[in-house]
């Protein structure tokens, strides 16, 4: 798997520009440009920042497309809120969501 091509693909799937990716990953845009121009994979810390921007783990980054399930920003936010709830409120929320 070509790491740089994977980054470009994921960026394009989101409709992001290089500026948007650099901004979301909190890395200098020049770092991203350097990766592309030199055709050298990013260092691990930069790749981790890029993955965080995409809302995925490093493991998910290296999974094949059919194995990876992307989590939207809203789903991630919901999960973050859920994890902060006390057990009783978690149970109530699950019951509420399970009602049809």
N, C-alpha and C. Protein backbone atom coordinates (compact mmCIF):
# COMPACT_ATOMS: atom_id res chain seq x y z
N UNK A 1 0.84 -1.18 0.00
CA UNK A 1 0.00 0.00 0.00
C UNK A 1 0.89 1.24 0.00
N UNK A 2 0.57 2.17 -0.85
CA UNK A 2 1.29 3.43 -0.92
C UNK A 2 0.66 4.41 0.06
N UNK A 3 1.40 4.78 1.08
CA UNK A 3 0.89 5.64 2.15
C UNK A 3 0.47 6.99 1.61
N UNK A 4 1.26 7.56 0.73
CA UNK A 4 0.95 8.89 0.20
C UNK A 4 -0.34 8.85 -0.62
N UNK A 5 -0.47 7.82 -1.45
CA UNK A 5 -1.69 7.69 -2.25
C UNK A 5 -2.92 7.49 -1.36
N UNK A 6 -2.72 6.76 -0.27
CA UNK A 6 -3.82 6.53 0.68
C UNK A 6 -4.25 7.86 1.32
N UNK A 7 -3.29 8.68 1.69
CA UNK A 7 -3.60 9.99 2.27
C UNK A 7 -4.38 10.82 1.26
N UNK A 8 -3.89 10.87 0.03
CA UNK A 8 -4.56 11.66 -1.01
C UNK A 8 -5.98 11.14 -1.25
N UNK A 9 -6.14 9.83 -1.28
CA UNK A 9 -7.45 9.24 -1.52
C UNK A 9 -8.42 9.63 -0.41
N UNK A 10 -7.99 9.49 0.82
CA UNK A 10 -8.86 9.80 1.95
C UNK A 10 -9.18 11.29 2.00
N UNK A 11 -8.22 12.10 1.64
CA UNK A 11 -8.43 13.55 1.59
C UNK A 11 -9.48 13.88 0.53
N UNK A 12 -9.33 13.27 -0.63
CA UNK A 12 -10.26 13.54 -1.73
C UNK A 12 -11.66 13.01 -1.44
N UNK A 13 -11.76 11.87 -0.76
CA UNK A 13 -13.07 11.33 -0.40
C UNK A 13 -13.85 12.30 0.48
N UNK A 14 -13.15 13.08 1.25
CA UNK A 14 -13.79 14.05 2.14
C UNK A 14 -13.98 15.41 1.48
N UNK A 15 -13.43 15.54 0.29
CA UNK A 15 -13.52 16.82 -0.41
C UNK A 15 -12.63 17.88 0.21
N UNK A 16 -11.56 17.45 0.86
CA UNK A 16 -10.64 18.36 1.54
C UNK A 16 -9.54 18.81 0.60
N UNK A 17 -9.08 20.01 0.82
CA UNK A 17 -7.89 20.52 0.15
C UNK A 17 -6.68 20.15 1.01
N UNK A 18 -5.49 20.38 0.45
CA UNK A 18 -4.28 20.16 1.24
C UNK A 18 -4.28 21.10 2.45
N UNK A 19 -4.75 22.31 2.23
CA UNK A 19 -4.81 23.28 3.34
C UNK A 19 -5.72 22.77 4.45
N UNK A 20 -6.88 22.24 4.09
CA UNK A 20 -7.83 21.73 5.09
C UNK A 20 -7.22 20.56 5.86
N UNK A 21 -6.58 19.63 5.16
CA UNK A 21 -5.95 18.50 5.83
C UNK A 21 -4.86 18.97 6.79
N UNK A 22 -4.01 19.85 6.33
CA UNK A 22 -2.93 20.36 7.18
C UNK A 22 -3.51 21.06 8.41
N UNK A 23 -4.55 21.83 8.19
CA UNK A 23 -5.20 22.54 9.29
C UNK A 23 -5.82 21.58 10.29
N UNK A 24 -6.57 20.60 9.81
CA UNK A 24 -7.22 19.61 10.68
C UNK A 24 -6.19 18.75 11.42
N UNK A 25 -5.09 18.45 10.75
CA UNK A 25 -4.04 17.62 11.36
C UNK A 25 -3.09 18.44 12.22
N UNK A 26 -3.24 19.75 12.18
CA UNK A 26 -2.39 20.66 12.92
C UNK A 26 -0.91 20.46 12.58
N UNK A 27 -0.65 20.35 11.28
CA UNK A 27 0.72 20.26 10.78
C UNK A 27 0.91 21.39 9.76
N UNK A 28 2.13 21.84 9.57
CA UNK A 28 2.36 22.88 8.57
C UNK A 28 2.00 22.37 7.17
N UNK A 29 1.42 23.24 6.37
CA UNK A 29 1.08 22.85 5.00
C UNK A 29 2.35 22.49 4.23
N UNK A 30 3.45 23.11 4.60
CA UNK A 30 4.73 22.81 3.94
C UNK A 30 5.16 21.36 4.20
N UNK A 31 4.80 20.82 5.35
CA UNK A 31 5.12 19.41 5.66
C UNK A 31 4.39 18.50 4.69
N UNK A 32 3.12 18.79 4.48
CA UNK A 32 2.32 17.99 3.55
C UNK A 32 2.86 18.12 2.13
N UNK A 33 3.19 19.34 1.72
CA UNK A 33 3.74 19.57 0.38
C UNK A 33 5.06 18.81 0.21
N UNK A 34 5.87 18.80 1.25
CA UNK A 34 7.16 18.11 1.20
C UNK A 34 6.97 16.60 1.03
N UNK A 35 5.98 16.06 1.74
CA UNK A 35 5.68 14.62 1.62
C UNK A 35 5.33 14.29 0.18
N UNK A 36 4.47 15.11 -0.43
CA UNK A 36 4.05 14.88 -1.81
C UNK A 36 5.21 15.04 -2.79
N UNK A 37 5.96 16.14 -2.65
CA UNK A 37 7.04 16.45 -3.59
C UNK A 37 8.17 15.43 -3.55
N UNK A 38 8.54 15.03 -2.35
CA UNK A 38 9.66 14.09 -2.21
C UNK A 38 9.21 12.63 -2.35
N UNK A 39 7.90 12.45 -2.34
CA UNK A 39 7.32 11.10 -2.45
C UNK A 39 7.88 10.18 -1.37
N UNK A 40 7.99 10.74 -0.14
CA UNK A 40 8.45 9.96 1.00
C UNK A 40 7.34 9.91 2.04
N UNK A 41 7.05 8.75 2.57
CA UNK A 41 5.99 8.64 3.57
C UNK A 41 6.28 9.54 4.78
N UNK A 42 5.24 10.04 5.41
CA UNK A 42 5.44 10.91 6.59
C UNK A 42 6.00 10.13 7.76
N UNK A 43 6.63 10.85 8.67
CA UNK A 43 7.09 10.24 9.92
C UNK A 43 5.86 9.81 10.72
N UNK A 44 6.06 8.92 11.65
CA UNK A 44 4.95 8.34 12.41
C UNK A 44 4.11 9.40 13.12
N UNK A 45 4.75 10.39 13.74
CA UNK A 45 3.98 11.40 14.46
C UNK A 45 3.11 12.23 13.51
N UNK A 46 3.61 12.49 12.31
CA UNK A 46 2.83 13.24 11.32
C UNK A 46 1.67 12.37 10.82
N UNK A 47 1.94 11.10 10.56
CA UNK A 47 0.88 10.20 10.11
C UNK A 47 -0.20 10.05 11.18
N UNK A 48 0.20 9.99 12.44
CA UNK A 48 -0.78 9.92 13.52
C UNK A 48 -1.66 11.17 13.54
N UNK A 49 -1.07 12.32 13.33
CA UNK A 49 -1.84 13.57 13.28
C UNK A 49 -2.81 13.57 12.11
N UNK A 50 -2.37 13.06 10.98
CA UNK A 50 -3.24 12.98 9.80
C UNK A 50 -4.40 12.02 10.08
N UNK A 51 -4.10 10.88 10.70
CA UNK A 51 -5.15 9.93 11.03
C UNK A 51 -6.16 10.54 12.00
N UNK A 52 -5.68 11.27 12.98
CA UNK A 52 -6.59 11.93 13.92
C UNK A 52 -7.49 12.91 13.18
N UNK A 53 -6.94 13.63 12.23
CA UNK A 53 -7.73 14.57 11.44
C UNK A 53 -8.83 13.83 10.67
N UNK A 54 -8.51 12.66 10.17
CA UNK A 54 -9.49 11.85 9.45
C UNK A 54 -10.47 11.14 10.39
N UNK A 55 -10.16 11.15 11.67
CA UNK A 55 -11.02 10.48 12.65
C UNK A 55 -10.86 8.98 12.66
N UNK A 56 -9.65 8.52 12.34
CA UNK A 56 -9.37 7.08 12.31
C UNK A 56 -8.09 6.79 13.09
N UNK A 57 -7.88 5.52 13.37
CA UNK A 57 -6.65 5.09 14.02
C UNK A 57 -5.61 4.72 12.96
N UNK A 58 -4.37 4.56 13.41
CA UNK A 58 -3.33 4.09 12.49
C UNK A 58 -3.68 2.72 11.93
N UNK A 59 -4.23 1.86 12.78
CA UNK A 59 -4.62 0.53 12.32
C UNK A 59 -5.67 0.62 11.21
N UNK A 60 -6.64 1.51 11.38
CA UNK A 60 -7.66 1.68 10.34
C UNK A 60 -7.06 2.23 9.06
N UNK A 61 -6.07 3.09 9.19
CA UNK A 61 -5.42 3.66 8.01
C UNK A 61 -4.83 2.55 7.14
N UNK A 62 -4.26 1.54 7.79
CA UNK A 62 -3.60 0.48 7.04
C UNK A 62 -4.52 -0.68 6.66
N UNK A 63 -5.78 -0.61 7.06
CA UNK A 63 -6.74 -1.64 6.66
C UNK A 63 -7.16 -1.42 5.21
N UNK A 64 -7.58 -2.49 4.59
CA UNK A 64 -8.13 -2.37 3.25
C UNK A 64 -9.46 -1.65 3.33
N UNK A 65 -9.86 -0.98 2.27
CA UNK A 65 -11.08 -0.18 2.26
C UNK A 65 -12.32 -0.93 2.73
N UNK A 66 -12.46 -2.16 2.27
CA UNK A 66 -13.66 -2.91 2.62
C UNK A 66 -13.70 -3.31 4.10
N UNK A 67 -12.56 -3.28 4.77
CA UNK A 67 -12.51 -3.61 6.19
C UNK A 67 -12.75 -2.40 7.07
N UNK A 68 -12.53 -1.20 6.53
CA UNK A 68 -12.57 0.01 7.33
C UNK A 68 -13.97 0.61 7.34
N UNK A 69 -14.41 0.96 8.52
CA UNK A 69 -15.65 1.68 8.66
C UNK A 69 -15.33 3.06 9.22
N UNK A 70 -15.60 4.07 8.44
CA UNK A 70 -15.33 5.43 8.88
C UNK A 70 -16.41 5.90 9.84
N UNK A 71 -16.02 6.64 10.81
CA UNK A 71 -16.94 7.21 11.77
C UNK A 71 -17.06 8.69 11.45
N UNK A 72 -18.29 9.15 11.27
CA UNK A 72 -18.50 10.57 10.96
C UNK A 72 -18.18 11.40 12.19
N UNK A 73 -18.07 12.69 11.98
CA UNK A 73 -17.79 13.62 13.08
C UNK A 73 -18.91 13.55 14.11
N UNK A 74 -20.15 13.48 13.65
CA UNK A 74 -21.29 13.41 14.57
C UNK A 74 -21.28 12.10 15.36
N UNK A 75 -20.95 10.99 14.70
CA UNK A 75 -20.89 9.71 15.40
C UNK A 75 -19.77 9.72 16.45
N UNK A 76 -18.66 10.31 16.11
CA UNK A 76 -17.54 10.40 17.05
C UNK A 76 -17.94 11.25 18.26
N UNK A 77 -18.62 12.36 17.99
CA UNK A 77 -19.07 13.23 19.07
C UNK A 77 -20.06 12.50 19.97
N UNK A 78 -20.98 11.76 19.36
CA UNK A 78 -21.96 10.99 20.12
C UNK A 78 -21.26 9.96 21.01
N UNK A 79 -20.28 9.29 20.46
CA UNK A 79 -19.53 8.30 21.23
C UNK A 79 -18.76 8.95 22.38
N UNK A 80 -18.17 10.11 22.12
CA UNK A 80 -17.45 10.82 23.18
C UNK A 80 -18.39 11.21 24.32
N UNK A 81 -19.58 11.71 23.97
CA UNK A 81 -20.56 12.10 24.98
C UNK A 81 -21.03 10.87 25.75
N UNK A 82 -21.31 9.80 25.03
CA UNK A 82 -21.77 8.55 25.65
C UNK A 82 -20.75 8.03 26.67
N UNK A 83 -19.50 8.06 26.31
CA UNK A 83 -18.44 7.56 27.20
C UNK A 83 -18.32 8.37 28.49
N UNK A 84 -18.75 9.61 28.46
CA UNK A 84 -18.67 10.47 29.64
C UNK A 84 -19.88 10.32 30.56
N UNK A 85 -20.92 9.65 30.07
CA UNK A 85 -22.14 9.48 30.87
C UNK A 85 -21.93 8.46 31.98
N UNK A 86 -22.61 8.65 33.12
CA UNK A 86 -22.59 7.61 34.14
C UNK A 86 -23.36 6.38 33.63
N UNK A 87 -23.10 5.24 34.21
CA UNK A 87 -23.68 3.97 33.76
C UNK A 87 -25.20 4.02 33.67
N UNK A 88 -25.85 4.62 34.64
CA UNK A 88 -27.32 4.70 34.67
C UNK A 88 -27.85 5.46 33.45
N UNK A 89 -27.22 6.59 33.14
CA UNK A 89 -27.65 7.39 32.00
C UNK A 89 -27.35 6.68 30.68
N UNK A 90 -26.25 5.93 30.64
CA UNK A 90 -25.94 5.14 29.43
C UNK A 90 -27.07 4.14 29.16
N UNK A 91 -27.48 3.46 30.24
CA UNK A 91 -28.54 2.46 30.11
C UNK A 91 -29.84 3.10 29.65
N UNK A 92 -30.18 4.24 30.22
CA UNK A 92 -31.41 4.95 29.83
C UNK A 92 -31.34 5.38 28.36
N UNK A 93 -30.19 5.86 27.94
CA UNK A 93 -30.03 6.28 26.56
C UNK A 93 -30.19 5.09 25.61
N UNK A 94 -29.60 3.97 25.96
CA UNK A 94 -29.73 2.77 25.12
C UNK A 94 -31.18 2.30 25.04
N UNK A 95 -31.89 2.38 26.16
CA UNK A 95 -33.31 2.00 26.16
C UNK A 95 -34.11 2.94 25.27
N UNK A 96 -33.82 4.23 25.36
CA UNK A 96 -34.51 5.21 24.55
C UNK A 96 -34.26 4.96 23.04
N UNK A 97 -33.03 4.70 22.71
CA UNK A 97 -32.67 4.47 21.32
C UNK A 97 -33.20 3.14 20.78
N UNK A 98 -33.43 2.18 21.66
CA UNK A 98 -33.90 0.87 21.25
C UNK A 98 -35.40 0.84 21.01
N UNK A 99 -36.13 1.81 21.53
CA UNK A 99 -37.58 1.84 21.34
C UNK A 99 -37.92 2.07 19.88
N UNK A 100 -38.91 1.33 19.43
CA UNK A 100 -39.31 1.47 18.03
C UNK A 100 -40.72 1.96 17.94
